[in-house]
Amino acid sequence: MRKLVVRAGLVLLATGVVLCGWATGQKGGSRSESRTLTGQVLAGNDQPVQKAVVYLKNTKTLAIKTYITETDGSYRFTAITPNVDYEIYAEHEGLRSDTKTLSAFDNRKEPRVTLRLHTK
């Protein structure tokens, strides 16, 4: 009888976990899939900037990731958590872009943000 009660409890617990994940839209332990942020860094004359440093700041954890732009000024951050706000800006040789925000409410799977450098 005791084994039956324990098994029934485990079944109820497992059902509760599955239902909690379903109610919150979770799959495999995360709220939703990750996304990829891409963009380009441009100088004041709209020319691409190679070797600019792009900063991506998670406003929840304050963790910062960086990316050094390609020859065409492009950058790419993969595995971005969709339910977190991020701040993005770029710097290169004393110039800096405005800080832009990638909102958790922005539901694009592959958002693209262009950053324009100007004097600080």
N, C-alpha and C. Protein backbone atom coordinates (compact mmCIF):
# COMPACT_ATOMS: atom_id res chain seq x y z
N MET A 1 0.82 -1.19 0.00
CA MET A 1 0.00 0.00 0.00
C MET A 1 0.87 1.25 0.00
N ARG A 2 1.95 1.23 0.79
CA ARG A 2 2.85 2.39 0.87
C ARG A 2 3.48 2.69 -0.48
N LYS A 3 3.90 1.64 -1.23
CA LYS A 3 4.49 1.83 -2.55
C LYS A 3 3.49 2.48 -3.50
N LEU A 4 2.23 2.08 -3.39
CA LEU A 4 1.19 2.64 -4.24
C LEU A 4 1.00 4.13 -3.96
N VAL A 5 1.03 4.53 -2.71
CA VAL A 5 0.88 5.93 -2.33
C VAL A 5 2.07 6.74 -2.84
N VAL A 6 3.29 6.20 -2.72
CA VAL A 6 4.49 6.89 -3.19
C VAL A 6 4.42 7.06 -4.71
N ARG A 7 4.03 6.01 -5.43
CA ARG A 7 3.92 6.10 -6.89
C ARG A 7 2.87 7.11 -7.30
N ALA A 8 1.75 7.11 -6.62
CA ALA A 8 0.69 8.07 -6.93
C ALA A 8 1.18 9.50 -6.69
N GLY A 9 1.95 9.70 -5.63
CA GLY A 9 2.51 11.02 -5.34
C GLY A 9 3.48 11.46 -6.41
N LEU A 10 4.31 10.53 -6.88
CA LEU A 10 5.27 10.86 -7.94
C LEU A 10 4.55 11.20 -9.24
N VAL A 11 3.50 10.48 -9.55
CA VAL A 11 2.72 10.76 -10.75
C VAL A 11 2.10 12.15 -10.65
N LEU A 12 1.54 12.49 -9.49
CA LEU A 12 0.94 13.81 -9.30
C LEU A 12 1.99 14.91 -9.41
N LEU A 13 3.16 14.68 -8.83
CA LEU A 13 4.25 15.65 -8.90
C LEU A 13 4.69 15.86 -10.34
N ALA A 14 4.88 14.79 -11.08
CA ALA A 14 5.29 14.89 -12.48
C ALA A 14 4.22 15.61 -13.30
N THR A 15 2.97 15.31 -13.05
CA THR A 15 1.87 15.98 -13.75
C THR A 15 1.87 17.47 -13.45
N GLY A 16 2.11 17.83 -12.20
CA GLY A 16 2.16 19.24 -11.81
C GLY A 16 3.28 19.98 -12.51
N VAL A 17 4.44 19.35 -12.62
CA VAL A 17 5.58 19.98 -13.30
C VAL A 17 5.26 20.20 -14.77
N VAL A 18 4.67 19.20 -15.41
CA VAL A 18 4.31 19.32 -16.82
C VAL A 18 3.27 20.42 -17.00
N LEU A 19 2.26 20.46 -16.15
CA LEU A 19 1.22 21.48 -16.26
C LEU A 19 1.77 22.88 -16.00
N CYS A 20 2.70 23.03 -15.05
CA CYS A 20 3.32 24.34 -14.80
C CYS A 20 4.07 24.81 -16.04
N GLY A 21 4.81 23.92 -16.66
CA GLY A 21 5.53 24.28 -17.88
C GLY A 21 4.58 24.65 -19.00
N TRP A 22 3.48 23.95 -19.13
CA TRP A 22 2.49 24.24 -20.16
C TRP A 22 1.83 25.59 -19.89
N ALA A 23 1.47 25.88 -18.64
CA ALA A 23 0.78 27.12 -18.30
C ALA A 23 1.65 28.34 -18.53
N THR A 24 2.95 28.22 -18.36
CA THR A 24 3.84 29.36 -18.55
C THR A 24 4.48 29.37 -19.93
N GLY A 25 4.11 28.43 -20.78
CA GLY A 25 4.65 28.38 -22.13
C GLY A 25 6.06 27.83 -22.20
N GLN A 26 6.49 27.11 -21.18
CA GLN A 26 7.86 26.62 -21.16
C GLN A 26 7.98 25.32 -21.93
N LYS A 27 9.14 25.17 -22.56
CA LYS A 27 9.50 23.93 -23.24
C LYS A 27 10.90 23.58 -22.78
N GLY A 28 11.07 22.43 -22.24
CA GLY A 28 12.41 21.97 -21.88
C GLY A 28 13.09 22.85 -20.85
N GLY A 29 12.33 23.50 -19.97
CA GLY A 29 12.90 24.27 -18.89
C GLY A 29 13.13 25.74 -19.17
N SER A 30 12.95 26.22 -20.40
CA SER A 30 13.12 27.65 -20.66
C SER A 30 11.83 28.22 -21.23
N ARG A 31 11.60 29.50 -20.97
CA ARG A 31 10.34 30.11 -21.37
C ARG A 31 10.15 30.07 -22.88
N SER A 32 11.16 30.32 -23.62
CA SER A 32 11.08 30.20 -25.07
C SER A 32 12.50 30.11 -25.64
N GLU A 33 12.56 29.95 -26.93
CA GLU A 33 13.86 29.75 -27.57
C GLU A 33 14.68 31.03 -27.59
N SER A 34 15.98 30.88 -27.78
CA SER A 34 16.86 32.03 -27.86
C SER A 34 16.72 32.70 -29.23
N ARG A 35 17.33 33.87 -29.36
CA ARG A 35 17.30 34.57 -30.63
C ARG A 35 18.69 35.11 -30.94
N THR A 36 18.85 35.66 -32.14
CA THR A 36 20.14 36.16 -32.60
C THR A 36 20.01 37.64 -32.92
N LEU A 37 20.92 38.44 -32.38
CA LEU A 37 20.96 39.87 -32.65
C LEU A 37 22.06 40.14 -33.67
N THR A 38 21.72 40.83 -34.74
CA THR A 38 22.71 41.21 -35.74
C THR A 38 22.61 42.71 -35.98
N GLY A 39 23.61 43.24 -36.63
CA GLY A 39 23.56 44.66 -36.96
C GLY A 39 24.83 45.09 -37.63
N GLN A 40 24.97 46.42 -37.72
CA GLN A 40 26.12 46.99 -38.39
C GLN A 40 26.50 48.28 -37.67
N VAL A 41 27.78 48.56 -37.62
CA VAL A 41 28.30 49.81 -37.05
C VAL A 41 28.74 50.69 -38.21
N LEU A 42 28.23 51.93 -38.22
CA LEU A 42 28.53 52.87 -39.29
C LEU A 42 29.15 54.14 -38.74
N ALA A 43 30.03 54.76 -39.54
CA ALA A 43 30.61 56.05 -39.19
C ALA A 43 29.61 57.14 -39.61
N GLY A 44 29.93 58.39 -39.28
CA GLY A 44 29.04 59.50 -39.60
C GLY A 44 28.71 59.62 -41.07
N ASN A 45 29.59 59.15 -41.94
CA ASN A 45 29.36 59.21 -43.39
C ASN A 45 28.70 57.93 -43.92
N ASP A 46 28.13 57.16 -43.02
CA ASP A 46 27.45 55.88 -43.35
C ASP A 46 28.38 54.82 -43.92
N GLN A 47 29.68 54.95 -43.65
CA GLN A 47 30.64 53.93 -44.04
C GLN A 47 30.74 52.88 -42.93
N PRO A 48 30.82 51.59 -43.28
CA PRO A 48 30.96 50.54 -42.27
C PRO A 48 32.27 50.70 -41.49
N VAL A 49 32.24 50.38 -40.22
CA VAL A 49 33.42 50.52 -39.37
C VAL A 49 33.92 49.14 -38.96
N GLN A 50 35.12 48.82 -39.42
CA GLN A 50 35.77 47.56 -39.08
C GLN A 50 36.45 47.70 -37.72
N LYS A 51 36.45 46.65 -36.94
CA LYS A 51 37.12 46.56 -35.65
C LYS A 51 36.56 47.49 -34.57
N ALA A 52 35.30 47.88 -34.71
CA ALA A 52 34.62 48.59 -33.63
C ALA A 52 34.24 47.54 -32.59
N VAL A 53 34.18 47.94 -31.34
CA VAL A 53 33.76 47.02 -30.28
C VAL A 53 32.29 47.28 -29.98
N VAL A 54 31.48 46.25 -30.11
CA VAL A 54 30.05 46.35 -29.81
C VAL A 54 29.83 45.70 -28.45
N TYR A 55 29.13 46.41 -27.57
CA TYR A 55 28.85 45.95 -26.22
C TYR A 55 27.38 45.58 -26.13
N LEU A 56 27.10 44.41 -25.56
CA LEU A 56 25.74 43.94 -25.32
C LEU A 56 25.60 43.68 -23.83
N LYS A 57 24.78 44.50 -23.17
CA LYS A 57 24.64 44.41 -21.71
C LYS A 57 23.26 43.85 -21.35
N ASN A 58 23.27 42.75 -20.61
CA ASN A 58 22.04 42.16 -20.08
C ASN A 58 21.63 43.01 -18.88
N THR A 59 20.49 43.68 -18.97
CA THR A 59 20.09 44.61 -17.90
C THR A 59 19.60 43.89 -16.65
N LYS A 60 19.39 42.60 -16.75
CA LYS A 60 18.95 41.82 -15.58
C LYS A 60 20.16 41.37 -14.75
N THR A 61 21.17 40.81 -15.42
CA THR A 61 22.34 40.29 -14.71
C THR A 61 23.53 41.25 -14.74
N LEU A 62 23.45 42.27 -15.61
CA LEU A 62 24.52 43.25 -15.84
C LEU A 62 25.75 42.64 -16.52
N ALA A 63 25.61 41.41 -17.01
CA ALA A 63 26.70 40.78 -17.76
C ALA A 63 26.84 41.47 -19.11
N ILE A 64 28.09 41.64 -19.54
CA ILE A 64 28.37 42.30 -20.81
C ILE A 64 29.13 41.36 -21.73
N LYS A 65 28.64 41.25 -22.99
CA LYS A 65 29.33 40.50 -24.02
C LYS A 65 29.84 41.52 -25.04
N THR A 66 30.94 41.20 -25.70
CA THR A 66 31.47 42.10 -26.72
C THR A 66 31.67 41.35 -28.04
N TYR A 67 31.71 42.13 -29.10
CA TYR A 67 31.96 41.59 -30.43
C TYR A 67 32.75 42.63 -31.20
N ILE A 68 33.81 42.23 -31.88
CA ILE A 68 34.59 43.12 -32.73
C ILE A 68 34.06 42.99 -34.16
N THR A 69 33.66 44.12 -34.73
CA THR A 69 32.98 44.09 -36.03
C THR A 69 33.87 43.55 -37.15
N GLU A 70 33.20 42.99 -38.13
CA GLU A 70 33.85 42.43 -39.32
C GLU A 70 34.24 43.57 -40.27
N THR A 71 34.84 43.24 -41.41
CA THR A 71 35.27 44.26 -42.38
C THR A 71 34.10 45.09 -42.91
N ASP A 72 32.91 44.51 -42.95
CA ASP A 72 31.73 45.24 -43.43
C ASP A 72 30.97 45.93 -42.28
N GLY A 73 31.59 45.99 -41.09
CA GLY A 73 30.97 46.65 -39.94
C GLY A 73 29.91 45.82 -39.24
N SER A 74 29.75 44.58 -39.64
CA SER A 74 28.68 43.75 -39.08
C SER A 74 29.09 43.12 -37.75
N TYR A 75 28.07 42.83 -36.94
CA TYR A 75 28.27 42.11 -35.68
C TYR A 75 27.14 41.12 -35.50
N ARG A 76 27.35 40.16 -34.58
CA ARG A 76 26.36 39.10 -34.38
C ARG A 76 26.49 38.55 -32.96
N PHE A 77 25.38 38.53 -32.25
CA PHE A 77 25.31 37.90 -30.94
C PHE A 77 24.26 36.80 -31.01
N THR A 78 24.68 35.57 -30.72
CA THR A 78 23.76 34.44 -30.76
C THR A 78 23.32 34.09 -29.34
N ALA A 79 22.30 33.27 -29.24
CA ALA A 79 21.78 32.76 -27.96
C ALA A 79 21.38 33.89 -27.01
N ILE A 80 20.67 34.87 -27.55
CA ILE A 80 20.15 35.98 -26.74
C ILE A 80 18.85 35.52 -26.08
N THR A 81 18.75 35.72 -24.78
CA THR A 81 17.55 35.34 -24.05
C THR A 81 16.41 36.28 -24.43
N PRO A 82 15.27 35.76 -24.87
CA PRO A 82 14.20 36.63 -25.36
C PRO A 82 13.44 37.40 -24.28
N ASN A 83 13.46 36.95 -23.05
CA ASN A 83 12.66 37.61 -22.00
C ASN A 83 13.50 38.55 -21.13
N VAL A 84 14.55 39.13 -21.71
CA VAL A 84 15.45 40.05 -20.99
C VAL A 84 15.68 41.27 -21.87
N ASP A 85 15.77 42.46 -21.25
CA ASP A 85 16.14 43.67 -21.98
C ASP A 85 17.66 43.72 -22.09
N TYR A 86 18.14 44.23 -23.22
CA TYR A 86 19.57 44.40 -23.46
C TYR A 86 19.85 45.83 -23.89
N GLU A 87 21.02 46.34 -23.52
CA GLU A 87 21.51 47.62 -24.01
C GLU A 87 22.67 47.34 -24.96
N ILE A 88 22.68 48.04 -26.10
CA ILE A 88 23.70 47.82 -27.12
C ILE A 88 24.33 49.16 -27.49
N TYR A 89 25.66 49.19 -27.57
CA TYR A 89 26.35 50.37 -28.08
C TYR A 89 27.70 49.94 -28.64
N ALA A 90 28.33 50.84 -29.40
CA ALA A 90 29.61 50.54 -30.03
C ALA A 90 30.60 51.67 -29.75
N GLU A 91 31.89 51.31 -29.75
CA GLU A 91 32.98 52.28 -29.60
C GLU A 91 34.08 51.95 -30.60
N HIS A 92 34.73 53.02 -31.08
CA HIS A 92 35.87 52.84 -31.99
C HIS A 92 36.68 54.13 -32.05
N GLU A 93 37.95 54.04 -31.67
CA GLU A 93 38.90 55.15 -31.76
C GLU A 93 38.33 56.46 -31.22
N GLY A 94 37.81 56.44 -30.01
CA GLY A 94 37.31 57.65 -29.36
C GLY A 94 35.89 58.04 -29.73
N LEU A 95 35.29 57.32 -30.66
CA LEU A 95 33.91 57.58 -31.05
C LEU A 95 33.00 56.56 -30.37
N ARG A 96 31.75 56.96 -30.16
CA ARG A 96 30.80 56.06 -29.52
C ARG A 96 29.41 56.26 -30.14
N SER A 97 28.64 55.19 -30.18
CA SER A 97 27.26 55.29 -30.67
C SER A 97 26.34 55.60 -29.50
N ASP A 98 25.12 55.97 -29.82
CA ASP A 98 24.10 56.07 -28.78
C ASP A 98 23.81 54.66 -28.28
N THR A 99 23.34 54.56 -27.05
CA THR A 99 22.95 53.26 -26.50
C THR A 99 21.53 52.96 -26.94
N LYS A 100 21.33 51.81 -27.52
CA LYS A 100 20.00 51.37 -27.96
C LYS A 100 19.56 50.23 -27.07
N THR A 101 18.25 50.05 -26.96
CA THR A 101 17.68 49.00 -26.13
C THR A 101 17.00 47.95 -27.00
N LEU A 102 17.29 46.69 -26.70
CA LEU A 102 16.56 45.58 -27.30
C LEU A 102 15.62 45.09 -26.20
N SER A 103 14.34 45.33 -26.37
CA SER A 103 13.35 45.05 -25.34
C SER A 103 12.93 43.58 -25.31
N ALA A 104 12.58 43.12 -24.13
CA ALA A 104 12.02 41.77 -23.99
C ALA A 104 10.69 41.67 -24.72
N PHE A 105 10.03 42.81 -24.94
CA PHE A 105 8.74 42.81 -25.63
C PHE A 105 8.89 42.76 -27.14
N ASP A 106 10.10 42.94 -27.63
CA ASP A 106 10.39 42.83 -29.06
C ASP A 106 10.45 41.33 -29.38
N ASN A 107 9.46 40.82 -30.08
CA ASN A 107 9.37 39.37 -30.28
C ASN A 107 10.02 38.88 -31.58
N ARG A 108 10.82 39.73 -32.22
CA ARG A 108 11.51 39.27 -33.44
C ARG A 108 12.55 38.22 -33.09
N LYS A 109 12.60 37.16 -33.87
CA LYS A 109 13.56 36.08 -33.65
C LYS A 109 14.98 36.52 -34.00
N GLU A 110 15.11 37.39 -35.01
CA GLU A 110 16.42 37.88 -35.44
C GLU A 110 16.39 39.40 -35.58
N PRO A 111 16.38 40.12 -34.45
CA PRO A 111 16.37 41.58 -34.54
C PRO A 111 17.68 42.11 -35.12
N ARG A 112 17.61 43.26 -35.77
CA ARG A 112 18.77 43.90 -36.38
C ARG A 112 18.84 45.33 -35.87
N VAL A 113 20.01 45.74 -35.37
CA VAL A 113 20.20 47.08 -34.82
C VAL A 113 21.43 47.72 -35.47
N THR A 114 21.23 48.89 -36.09
CA THR A 114 22.33 49.64 -36.67
C THR A 114 22.80 50.67 -35.66
N LEU A 115 24.12 50.75 -35.48
CA LEU A 115 24.72 51.70 -34.54
C LEU A 115 25.56 52.69 -35.31
N ARG A 116 25.36 54.00 -35.06
CA ARG A 116 26.11 55.05 -35.75
C ARG A 116 27.05 55.73 -34.75
N LEU A 117 28.33 55.77 -35.11
CA LEU A 117 29.33 56.38 -34.24
C LEU A 117 29.31 57.90 -34.37
N HIS A 118 29.57 58.58 -33.25
CA HIS A 118 29.71 60.04 -33.23
C HIS A 118 30.62 60.40 -32.08
N THR A 119 31.06 61.65 -31.98
CA THR A 119 31.95 62.04 -30.89
C THR A 119 31.23 61.94 -29.56
N LYS A 120 31.98 61.62 -28.51
CA LYS A 120 31.37 61.44 -27.18
C LYS A 120 30.88 62.75 -26.60
